[in-house]
């Protein structure tokens, strides 16, 4: 079911925001939240972040979020936006946005880790703000590319944020301490 806000935002973005120079940037932002890119970032985290099991902690987080996404897509089975509007290929169902969930799960967990470990307040706020903007831009890129509706992206963020809150509350003491 498409909501009026979905069509309003999709029409606005397609007719007023899309430009030839912006499309490659949106594709690149979208690709940040793909499995190959996230796996590379997980390996870098595992290799260089100090502490007890940060790689496993981040891996279980993203895997749980991805599993939750697949279960919800199978339950809801919402079709993607009109194929004529899409700038990239995307298969499967639309709700919730997997890229948005992955971005919130992965970069949201990095925000949580940075907030807990970086002592310099200015650096902590700068890094966390940059990661928050990255999350938002990845979600926007999915609307720009017309592979998701606005409500897919917002739901992906919200569901993954709830997942992240529960994950950090229950898994952090077991995997990090």
N, C-alpha and C. Protein backbone atom coordinates (compact mmCIF):
# COMPACT_ATOMS: atom_id res chain seq x y z
N UNK A 1 0.84 -1.18 0.00
CA UNK A 1 0.00 0.00 0.00
C UNK A 1 0.88 1.25 0.00
N UNK A 2 0.67 2.10 -0.95
CA UNK A 2 1.43 3.35 -1.05
C UNK A 2 0.67 4.45 -0.32
N UNK A 3 1.39 5.18 0.50
CA UNK A 3 0.78 6.28 1.26
C UNK A 3 0.93 7.57 0.46
N UNK A 4 0.04 8.53 0.67
CA UNK A 4 0.15 9.80 -0.07
C UNK A 4 1.51 10.48 0.11
N UNK A 5 2.08 10.40 1.31
CA UNK A 5 3.39 11.03 1.54
C UNK A 5 4.46 10.39 0.67
N UNK A 6 4.33 9.09 0.42
CA UNK A 6 5.30 8.39 -0.44
C UNK A 6 5.29 8.95 -1.85
N UNK A 7 4.13 9.10 -2.42
CA UNK A 7 4.03 9.60 -3.79
C UNK A 7 4.45 11.08 -3.86
N UNK A 8 4.08 11.84 -2.86
CA UNK A 8 4.44 13.26 -2.82
C UNK A 8 5.96 13.42 -2.81
N UNK A 9 6.63 12.69 -1.95
CA UNK A 9 8.09 12.81 -1.84
C UNK A 9 8.77 12.22 -3.07
N UNK A 10 8.31 11.07 -3.54
CA UNK A 10 8.91 10.49 -4.75
C UNK A 10 8.78 11.44 -5.93
N UNK A 11 7.60 11.99 -6.14
CA UNK A 11 7.39 12.94 -7.24
C UNK A 11 8.29 14.16 -7.09
N UNK A 12 8.40 14.68 -5.88
CA UNK A 12 9.23 15.86 -5.65
C UNK A 12 10.69 15.56 -5.98
N UNK A 13 11.20 14.45 -5.47
CA UNK A 13 12.61 14.11 -5.69
C UNK A 13 12.88 13.86 -7.17
N UNK A 14 12.03 13.08 -7.82
CA UNK A 14 12.23 12.75 -9.23
C UNK A 14 12.16 14.00 -10.10
N UNK A 15 11.25 14.90 -9.80
CA UNK A 15 11.04 16.08 -10.66
C UNK A 15 11.87 17.30 -10.29
N UNK A 16 12.37 17.37 -9.05
CA UNK A 16 13.04 18.60 -8.61
C UNK A 16 14.46 18.42 -8.08
N UNK A 17 14.82 17.22 -7.72
CA UNK A 17 16.13 17.01 -7.11
C UNK A 17 17.09 16.27 -8.04
N UNK A 18 16.59 15.35 -8.81
CA UNK A 18 17.45 14.54 -9.69
C UNK A 18 18.18 15.42 -10.69
N UNK A 19 19.48 15.20 -10.77
CA UNK A 19 20.32 15.87 -11.77
C UNK A 19 21.38 14.88 -12.23
N UNK A 20 21.89 15.05 -13.44
CA UNK A 20 22.91 14.11 -13.93
C UNK A 20 24.16 14.03 -13.05
N UNK A 21 24.57 15.14 -12.46
CA UNK A 21 25.78 15.12 -11.65
C UNK A 21 25.55 14.49 -10.28
N UNK A 22 24.31 14.52 -9.78
CA UNK A 22 24.01 14.00 -8.45
C UNK A 22 23.79 12.48 -8.45
N UNK A 23 23.34 11.94 -9.56
CA UNK A 23 23.02 10.51 -9.62
C UNK A 23 24.21 9.61 -9.27
N UNK A 24 25.41 9.82 -9.83
CA UNK A 24 26.53 8.95 -9.43
C UNK A 24 26.87 9.05 -7.94
N UNK A 25 26.70 10.22 -7.36
CA UNK A 25 26.94 10.39 -5.92
C UNK A 25 25.92 9.59 -5.11
N UNK A 26 24.66 9.63 -5.52
CA UNK A 26 23.62 8.87 -4.83
C UNK A 26 23.85 7.37 -4.97
N UNK A 27 24.30 6.93 -6.14
CA UNK A 27 24.61 5.51 -6.32
C UNK A 27 25.76 5.10 -5.41
N UNK A 28 26.77 5.95 -5.29
CA UNK A 28 27.91 5.65 -4.41
C UNK A 28 27.49 5.60 -2.95
N UNK A 29 26.66 6.55 -2.54
CA UNK A 29 26.17 6.54 -1.16
C UNK A 29 25.36 5.28 -0.88
N UNK A 30 24.54 4.91 -1.81
CA UNK A 30 23.72 3.71 -1.67
C UNK A 30 24.61 2.47 -1.53
N UNK A 31 25.68 2.43 -2.29
CA UNK A 31 26.58 1.27 -2.28
C UNK A 31 27.34 1.10 -0.97
N UNK A 32 27.40 2.15 -0.16
CA UNK A 32 28.07 2.04 1.14
C UNK A 32 27.36 1.02 2.01
N UNK A 33 26.06 0.89 1.86
CA UNK A 33 25.27 -0.01 2.72
C UNK A 33 25.01 -1.35 2.06
N UNK A 34 25.94 -1.80 1.21
CA UNK A 34 25.81 -3.12 0.59
C UNK A 34 26.70 -4.12 1.32
N UNK A 35 26.38 -5.39 1.16
CA UNK A 35 27.11 -6.44 1.87
C UNK A 35 28.63 -6.39 1.63
N UNK A 36 29.11 -6.28 0.38
CA UNK A 36 30.57 -6.28 0.21
C UNK A 36 31.27 -5.14 0.95
N UNK A 37 30.70 -3.94 0.87
CA UNK A 37 31.30 -2.79 1.55
C UNK A 37 31.26 -2.97 3.06
N UNK A 38 30.13 -3.43 3.58
CA UNK A 38 30.02 -3.62 5.03
C UNK A 38 30.96 -4.71 5.53
N UNK A 39 31.15 -5.75 4.74
CA UNK A 39 32.08 -6.82 5.13
C UNK A 39 33.50 -6.28 5.23
N UNK A 40 33.91 -5.49 4.26
CA UNK A 40 35.24 -4.88 4.31
C UNK A 40 35.37 -4.01 5.55
N UNK A 41 34.37 -3.20 5.84
CA UNK A 41 34.42 -2.33 7.02
C UNK A 41 34.44 -3.16 8.31
N UNK A 42 33.71 -4.26 8.33
CA UNK A 42 33.74 -5.14 9.50
C UNK A 42 35.13 -5.74 9.71
N UNK A 43 35.79 -6.13 8.64
CA UNK A 43 37.14 -6.68 8.74
C UNK A 43 38.12 -5.62 9.24
N UNK A 44 37.98 -4.40 8.77
CA UNK A 44 38.83 -3.31 9.25
C UNK A 44 38.59 -3.07 10.74
N UNK A 45 37.33 -3.05 11.15
CA UNK A 45 37.02 -2.88 12.56
C UNK A 45 37.63 -4.00 13.40
N UNK A 46 37.45 -5.22 12.95
CA UNK A 46 37.96 -6.36 13.69
C UNK A 46 39.49 -6.30 13.82
N UNK A 47 40.16 -5.80 12.79
CA UNK A 47 41.61 -5.76 12.79
C UNK A 47 42.19 -4.61 13.60
N UNK A 48 41.51 -3.47 13.63
CA UNK A 48 42.14 -2.28 14.18
C UNK A 48 41.48 -1.68 15.41
N UNK A 49 40.25 -2.03 15.71
CA UNK A 49 39.59 -1.43 16.88
C UNK A 49 39.99 -2.24 18.11
N UNK A 50 40.53 -1.55 19.11
CA UNK A 50 40.93 -2.27 20.31
C UNK A 50 39.72 -2.70 21.14
N UNK A 51 39.95 -3.60 22.03
CA UNK A 51 38.88 -4.05 22.92
C UNK A 51 38.56 -5.50 22.71
N UNK A 52 37.62 -5.96 23.48
CA UNK A 52 37.22 -7.35 23.45
C UNK A 52 36.19 -7.60 22.37
N UNK A 53 36.53 -8.31 21.36
CA UNK A 53 35.62 -8.78 20.32
C UNK A 53 34.80 -7.70 19.58
N UNK A 54 35.38 -6.56 19.22
CA UNK A 54 34.57 -5.54 18.51
C UNK A 54 34.10 -6.03 17.15
N UNK A 55 34.91 -6.85 16.48
CA UNK A 55 34.51 -7.37 15.18
C UNK A 55 33.28 -8.25 15.27
N UNK A 56 33.28 -9.17 16.24
CA UNK A 56 32.11 -10.04 16.42
C UNK A 56 30.90 -9.24 16.86
N UNK A 57 31.13 -8.29 17.73
CA UNK A 57 30.04 -7.44 18.22
C UNK A 57 29.36 -6.73 17.05
N UNK A 58 30.15 -6.16 16.15
CA UNK A 58 29.60 -5.47 14.98
C UNK A 58 28.99 -6.45 13.98
N UNK A 59 29.62 -7.60 13.81
CA UNK A 59 29.12 -8.60 12.86
C UNK A 59 27.76 -9.14 13.28
N UNK A 60 27.62 -9.51 14.55
CA UNK A 60 26.33 -10.02 15.04
C UNK A 60 25.25 -8.95 14.91
N UNK A 61 25.63 -7.70 15.12
CA UNK A 61 24.67 -6.61 15.00
C UNK A 61 24.12 -6.50 13.57
N UNK A 62 25.01 -6.45 12.60
CA UNK A 62 24.56 -6.28 11.22
C UNK A 62 23.84 -7.53 10.73
N UNK A 63 24.29 -8.71 11.16
CA UNK A 63 23.62 -9.95 10.76
C UNK A 63 22.21 -10.02 11.34
N UNK A 64 22.05 -9.62 12.58
CA UNK A 64 20.71 -9.62 13.19
C UNK A 64 19.78 -8.64 12.51
N UNK A 65 20.30 -7.47 12.18
CA UNK A 65 19.49 -6.47 11.48
C UNK A 65 19.08 -6.97 10.10
N UNK A 66 20.01 -7.63 9.39
CA UNK A 66 19.71 -8.16 8.05
C UNK A 66 18.66 -9.27 8.12
N UNK A 67 18.77 -10.11 9.11
CA UNK A 67 17.79 -11.18 9.28
C UNK A 67 16.41 -10.60 9.59
N UNK A 68 16.36 -9.63 10.47
CA UNK A 68 15.10 -8.96 10.80
C UNK A 68 14.50 -8.31 9.55
N UNK A 69 15.34 -7.70 8.73
CA UNK A 69 14.87 -7.07 7.49
C UNK A 69 14.23 -8.10 6.57
N UNK A 70 14.87 -9.22 6.40
CA UNK A 70 14.34 -10.26 5.50
C UNK A 70 13.02 -10.83 6.01
N UNK A 71 12.90 -11.01 7.30
CA UNK A 71 11.65 -11.50 7.88
C UNK A 71 10.53 -10.49 7.64
N UNK A 72 10.80 -9.22 7.87
CA UNK A 72 9.78 -8.18 7.68
C UNK A 72 9.39 -8.04 6.21
N UNK A 73 10.36 -8.11 5.30
CA UNK A 73 10.04 -8.04 3.87
C UNK A 73 9.12 -9.20 3.47
N UNK A 74 9.40 -10.39 4.00
CA UNK A 74 8.58 -11.57 3.68
C UNK A 74 7.17 -11.43 4.24
N UNK A 75 7.03 -10.80 5.38
CA UNK A 75 5.70 -10.61 5.98
C UNK A 75 4.91 -9.54 5.24
N UNK A 76 5.52 -8.39 4.99
CA UNK A 76 4.80 -7.25 4.42
C UNK A 76 4.62 -7.38 2.91
N UNK A 77 5.63 -7.80 2.19
CA UNK A 77 5.60 -7.99 0.74
C UNK A 77 5.12 -6.76 -0.04
N UNK A 78 5.65 -5.63 0.29
CA UNK A 78 5.29 -4.39 -0.40
C UNK A 78 6.11 -4.25 -1.68
N UNK A 79 5.43 -4.02 -2.81
CA UNK A 79 6.17 -3.83 -4.07
C UNK A 79 7.00 -2.55 -4.05
N UNK A 80 8.05 -2.55 -4.85
CA UNK A 80 8.90 -1.36 -4.97
C UNK A 80 8.21 -0.30 -5.82
N UNK A 81 8.75 0.92 -5.82
CA UNK A 81 8.19 1.98 -6.68
C UNK A 81 8.23 1.58 -8.15
N UNK A 82 7.48 2.28 -8.95
CA UNK A 82 7.36 2.04 -10.39
C UNK A 82 8.73 1.89 -11.03
N UNK A 83 8.91 0.80 -11.75
CA UNK A 83 10.19 0.49 -12.38
C UNK A 83 10.63 1.60 -13.34
N UNK A 84 9.71 2.33 -13.94
CA UNK A 84 10.05 3.40 -14.88
C UNK A 84 10.79 4.54 -14.19
N UNK A 85 10.61 4.69 -12.88
CA UNK A 85 11.27 5.75 -12.14
C UNK A 85 12.65 5.36 -11.62
N UNK A 86 12.92 4.07 -11.52
CA UNK A 86 14.16 3.57 -10.90
C UNK A 86 15.39 3.89 -11.74
N UNK A 87 16.44 4.27 -11.03
CA UNK A 87 17.72 4.54 -11.69
C UNK A 87 18.69 3.36 -11.57
N UNK A 88 18.40 2.43 -10.68
CA UNK A 88 19.22 1.24 -10.51
C UNK A 88 18.30 0.04 -10.34
N UNK A 89 18.86 -1.13 -10.57
CA UNK A 89 18.08 -2.36 -10.38
C UNK A 89 18.01 -2.69 -8.89
N UNK A 90 16.84 -3.11 -8.46
CA UNK A 90 16.66 -3.61 -7.09
C UNK A 90 15.61 -4.70 -7.14
N UNK A 91 15.93 -5.83 -6.58
CA UNK A 91 15.00 -6.94 -6.55
C UNK A 91 14.34 -7.06 -5.19
N UNK A 92 13.41 -7.95 -5.09
CA UNK A 92 12.76 -8.20 -3.82
C UNK A 92 11.73 -7.15 -3.46
N UNK A 93 11.32 -7.21 -2.21
CA UNK A 93 10.29 -6.30 -1.73
C UNK A 93 10.89 -5.00 -1.21
N UNK A 94 10.00 -4.05 -1.02
CA UNK A 94 10.42 -2.69 -0.71
C UNK A 94 10.45 -2.37 0.78
N UNK A 95 9.57 -2.97 1.56
CA UNK A 95 9.41 -2.55 2.96
C UNK A 95 9.92 -3.62 3.90
N UNK A 96 10.76 -3.20 4.84
CA UNK A 96 11.46 -1.92 5.02
C UNK A 96 12.74 -1.88 4.19
N UNK A 97 13.29 -0.71 4.04
CA UNK A 97 14.51 -0.54 3.26
C UNK A 97 15.68 -1.25 3.94
N UNK A 98 16.25 -2.22 3.24
CA UNK A 98 17.40 -2.93 3.79
C UNK A 98 18.64 -2.06 3.90
N UNK A 99 18.85 -1.19 2.92
CA UNK A 99 19.99 -0.29 2.98
C UNK A 99 19.87 0.66 4.18
N UNK A 100 18.66 1.15 4.41
CA UNK A 100 18.44 2.05 5.55
C UNK A 100 18.65 1.32 6.86
N UNK A 101 18.16 0.09 6.94
CA UNK A 101 18.36 -0.70 8.15
C UNK A 101 19.84 -1.00 8.37
N UNK A 102 20.55 -1.37 7.30
CA UNK A 102 21.97 -1.66 7.42
C UNK A 102 22.76 -0.42 7.83
N UNK A 103 22.43 0.72 7.24
CA UNK A 103 23.12 1.96 7.58
C UNK A 103 22.91 2.31 9.05
N UNK A 104 21.67 2.21 9.51
CA UNK A 104 21.39 2.54 10.91
C UNK A 104 22.06 1.53 11.83
N UNK A 105 22.00 0.25 11.49
CA UNK A 105 22.60 -0.76 12.35
C UNK A 105 24.12 -0.59 12.42
N UNK A 106 24.77 -0.49 11.27
CA UNK A 106 26.23 -0.44 11.25
C UNK A 106 26.76 0.91 11.75
N UNK A 107 26.34 1.98 11.12
CA UNK A 107 26.88 3.29 11.50
C UNK A 107 26.29 3.78 12.82
N UNK A 108 25.07 3.34 13.13
CA UNK A 108 24.50 3.65 14.44
C UNK A 108 25.29 3.00 15.56
N UNK A 109 25.74 1.77 15.32
CA UNK A 109 26.58 1.09 16.32
C UNK A 109 27.93 1.79 16.44
N UNK A 110 28.46 2.27 15.32
CA UNK A 110 29.71 3.04 15.39
C UNK A 110 29.50 4.32 16.21
N UNK A 111 28.35 4.97 16.04
CA UNK A 111 28.05 6.16 16.85
C UNK A 111 28.06 5.76 18.33
N UNK A 112 27.42 4.67 18.65
CA UNK A 112 27.36 4.20 20.04
C UNK A 112 28.76 3.93 20.58
N UNK A 113 29.59 3.26 19.77
CA UNK A 113 30.96 2.95 20.20
C UNK A 113 31.80 4.21 20.35
N UNK A 114 31.71 5.12 19.39
CA UNK A 114 32.48 6.36 19.46
C UNK A 114 32.05 7.17 20.68
N UNK A 115 30.76 7.26 20.91
CA UNK A 115 30.26 8.05 22.04
C UNK A 115 30.77 7.50 23.37
N UNK A 116 30.95 6.21 23.44
CA UNK A 116 31.42 5.57 24.67
C UNK A 116 32.94 5.60 24.82
N UNK A 117 33.68 5.74 23.73
CA UNK A 117 35.13 5.56 23.81
C UNK A 117 35.97 6.80 23.52
N UNK A 118 35.48 7.73 22.73
CA UNK A 118 36.27 8.91 22.38
C UNK A 118 36.10 9.95 23.48
N UNK A 119 37.20 10.34 24.08
CA UNK A 119 37.14 11.24 25.23
C UNK A 119 36.98 12.71 24.85
N UNK A 120 37.62 13.14 23.78
CA UNK A 120 37.54 14.54 23.36
C UNK A 120 36.13 14.81 22.84
N UNK A 121 35.42 15.70 23.55
CA UNK A 121 34.02 15.96 23.22
C UNK A 121 33.83 16.49 21.80
N UNK A 122 34.70 17.38 21.37
CA UNK A 122 34.56 17.95 20.01
C UNK A 122 34.74 16.89 18.94
N UNK A 123 35.73 16.05 19.11
CA UNK A 123 35.96 14.98 18.13
C UNK A 123 34.81 13.98 18.17
N UNK A 124 34.36 13.65 19.35
CA UNK A 124 33.23 12.71 19.51
C UNK A 124 31.99 13.25 18.80
N UNK A 125 31.66 14.51 19.02
CA UNK A 125 30.48 15.11 18.40
C UNK A 125 30.66 15.20 16.89
N UNK A 126 31.85 15.54 16.43
CA UNK A 126 32.12 15.64 15.00
C UNK A 126 31.96 14.28 14.31
N UNK A 127 32.56 13.24 14.87
CA UNK A 127 32.46 11.91 14.27
C UNK A 127 31.02 11.42 14.29
N UNK A 128 30.36 11.57 15.41
CA UNK A 128 28.97 11.09 15.52
C UNK A 128 28.05 11.86 14.58
N UNK A 129 28.26 13.15 14.44
CA UNK A 129 27.45 13.95 13.52
C UNK A 129 27.68 13.51 12.08
N UNK A 130 28.95 13.28 11.71
CA UNK A 130 29.25 12.83 10.35
C UNK A 130 28.60 11.47 10.07
N UNK A 131 28.64 10.57 11.03
CA UNK A 131 28.02 9.26 10.85
C UNK A 131 26.50 9.38 10.74
N UNK A 132 25.91 10.26 11.52
CA UNK A 132 24.45 10.47 11.45
C UNK A 132 24.04 11.04 10.09
N UNK A 133 24.82 11.97 9.58
CA UNK A 133 24.55 12.52 8.24
C UNK A 133 24.69 11.42 7.19
N UNK A 134 25.70 10.56 7.33
CA UNK A 134 25.89 9.46 6.39
C UNK A 134 24.67 8.52 6.40
N UNK A 135 24.17 8.21 7.56
CA UNK A 135 22.97 7.36 7.67
C UNK A 135 21.81 8.00 6.91
N UNK A 136 21.58 9.29 7.16
CA UNK A 136 20.47 9.99 6.51
C UNK A 136 20.66 10.04 4.99
N UNK A 137 21.88 10.28 4.54
CA UNK A 137 22.15 10.34 3.10
C UNK A 137 21.96 8.99 2.41
N UNK A 138 22.33 7.92 3.08
CA UNK A 138 22.11 6.60 2.51
C UNK A 138 20.60 6.36 2.34
N UNK A 139 19.82 6.71 3.35
CA UNK A 139 18.37 6.58 3.23
C UNK A 139 17.81 7.43 2.10
N UNK A 140 18.27 8.68 2.02
CA UNK A 140 17.81 9.57 0.95
C UNK A 140 18.17 9.02 -0.42
N UNK A 141 19.37 8.41 -0.53
CA UNK A 141 19.79 7.88 -1.82
C UNK A 141 18.83 6.82 -2.34
N UNK A 142 18.23 6.06 -1.44
CA UNK A 142 17.29 5.02 -1.85
C UNK A 142 16.01 5.62 -2.42
N UNK A 143 15.59 6.76 -1.89
CA UNK A 143 14.42 7.47 -2.43
C UNK A 143 14.80 8.12 -3.76
N UNK A 144 15.97 8.75 -3.79
CA UNK A 144 16.45 9.40 -5.01
C UNK A 144 16.52 8.42 -6.16
N UNK A 145 17.04 7.23 -5.89
CA UNK A 145 17.18 6.21 -6.93
C UNK A 145 15.85 5.52 -7.26
N UNK A 146 14.81 5.85 -6.50
CA UNK A 146 13.44 5.35 -6.68
C UNK A 146 13.34 3.84 -6.52
N UNK A 147 14.12 3.29 -5.60
CA UNK A 147 13.99 1.87 -5.29
C UNK A 147 13.26 1.65 -3.96
N UNK A 148 13.00 2.77 -3.26
CA UNK A 148 12.22 2.72 -2.02
C UNK A 148 11.35 3.95 -1.90
N UNK A 149 10.28 3.77 -1.16
CA UNK A 149 9.43 4.89 -0.77
C UNK A 149 9.97 5.51 0.51
N UNK A 150 9.54 6.73 0.78
CA UNK A 150 9.91 7.44 2.00
C UNK A 150 9.59 6.60 3.24
N UNK A 151 8.40 6.01 3.28
CA UNK A 151 8.02 5.24 4.47
C UNK A 151 8.85 3.96 4.62
N UNK A 152 9.36 3.40 3.53
CA UNK A 152 10.28 2.26 3.60
C UNK A 152 11.55 2.66 4.35
N UNK A 153 12.06 3.83 3.99
CA UNK A 153 13.31 4.33 4.57
C UNK A 153 13.11 4.68 6.05
N UNK A 154 12.05 5.41 6.35
CA UNK A 154 11.79 5.80 7.74
C UNK A 154 11.56 4.56 8.60
N UNK A 155 10.80 3.61 8.09
CA UNK A 155 10.57 2.36 8.84
C UNK A 155 11.88 1.61 9.02
N UNK A 156 12.70 1.56 7.99
CA UNK A 156 14.00 0.90 8.11
C UNK A 156 14.85 1.52 9.19
N UNK A 157 14.89 2.85 9.22
CA UNK A 157 15.64 3.54 10.28
C UNK A 157 15.06 3.22 11.66
N UNK A 158 13.75 3.33 11.79
CA UNK A 158 13.11 3.14 13.10
C UNK A 158 13.27 1.71 13.61
N UNK A 159 13.04 0.74 12.74
CA UNK A 159 13.15 -0.66 13.15
C UNK A 159 14.59 -0.98 13.54
N UNK A 160 15.52 -0.52 12.74
CA UNK A 160 16.93 -0.79 13.02
C UNK A 160 17.39 -0.05 14.28
N UNK A 161 16.86 1.13 14.52
CA UNK A 161 17.20 1.86 15.74
C UNK A 161 16.71 1.10 16.98
N UNK A 162 15.49 0.57 16.91
CA UNK A 162 14.98 -0.23 18.03
C UNK A 162 15.85 -1.47 18.21
N UNK A 163 16.19 -2.13 17.10
CA UNK A 163 17.09 -3.28 17.15
C UNK A 163 18.40 -2.88 17.84
N UNK A 164 18.96 -1.74 17.45
CA UNK A 164 20.24 -1.28 17.97
C UNK A 164 20.17 -1.01 19.47
N UNK A 165 19.10 -0.39 19.91
CA UNK A 165 18.92 -0.13 21.35
C UNK A 165 18.91 -1.45 22.12
N UNK A 166 18.13 -2.41 21.64
CA UNK A 166 18.05 -3.71 22.33
C UNK A 166 19.38 -4.46 22.24
N UNK A 167 20.00 -4.41 21.08
CA UNK A 167 21.27 -5.11 20.89
C UNK A 167 22.35 -4.57 21.82
N UNK A 168 22.48 -3.26 21.90
CA UNK A 168 23.52 -2.68 22.76
C UNK A 168 23.23 -2.92 24.24
N UNK A 169 21.96 -2.99 24.58
CA UNK A 169 21.60 -3.25 25.98
C UNK A 169 21.92 -4.68 26.38
N UNK A 170 21.60 -5.63 25.51
CA UNK A 170 21.74 -7.03 25.90
C UNK A 170 23.02 -7.70 25.41
N UNK A 171 23.53 -7.33 24.25
CA UNK A 171 24.72 -7.99 23.71
C UNK A 171 26.02 -7.32 24.15
N UNK A 172 25.99 -6.02 24.34
CA UNK A 172 27.24 -5.31 24.71
C UNK A 172 27.88 -5.85 25.98
N UNK A 173 27.12 -6.09 27.04
CA UNK A 173 27.78 -6.60 28.24
C UNK A 173 28.43 -7.98 28.03
N UNK A 174 27.86 -8.79 27.16
CA UNK A 174 28.37 -10.15 26.94
C UNK A 174 29.58 -10.15 25.97
N UNK A 175 29.55 -9.29 24.97
CA UNK A 175 30.60 -9.33 23.94
C UNK A 175 31.73 -8.31 24.14
N UNK A 176 31.46 -7.25 24.89
CA UNK A 176 32.48 -6.21 25.02
C UNK A 176 33.13 -6.16 26.39
N UNK A 177 32.44 -6.55 27.42
CA UNK A 177 33.01 -6.43 28.78
C UNK A 177 33.74 -7.68 29.21
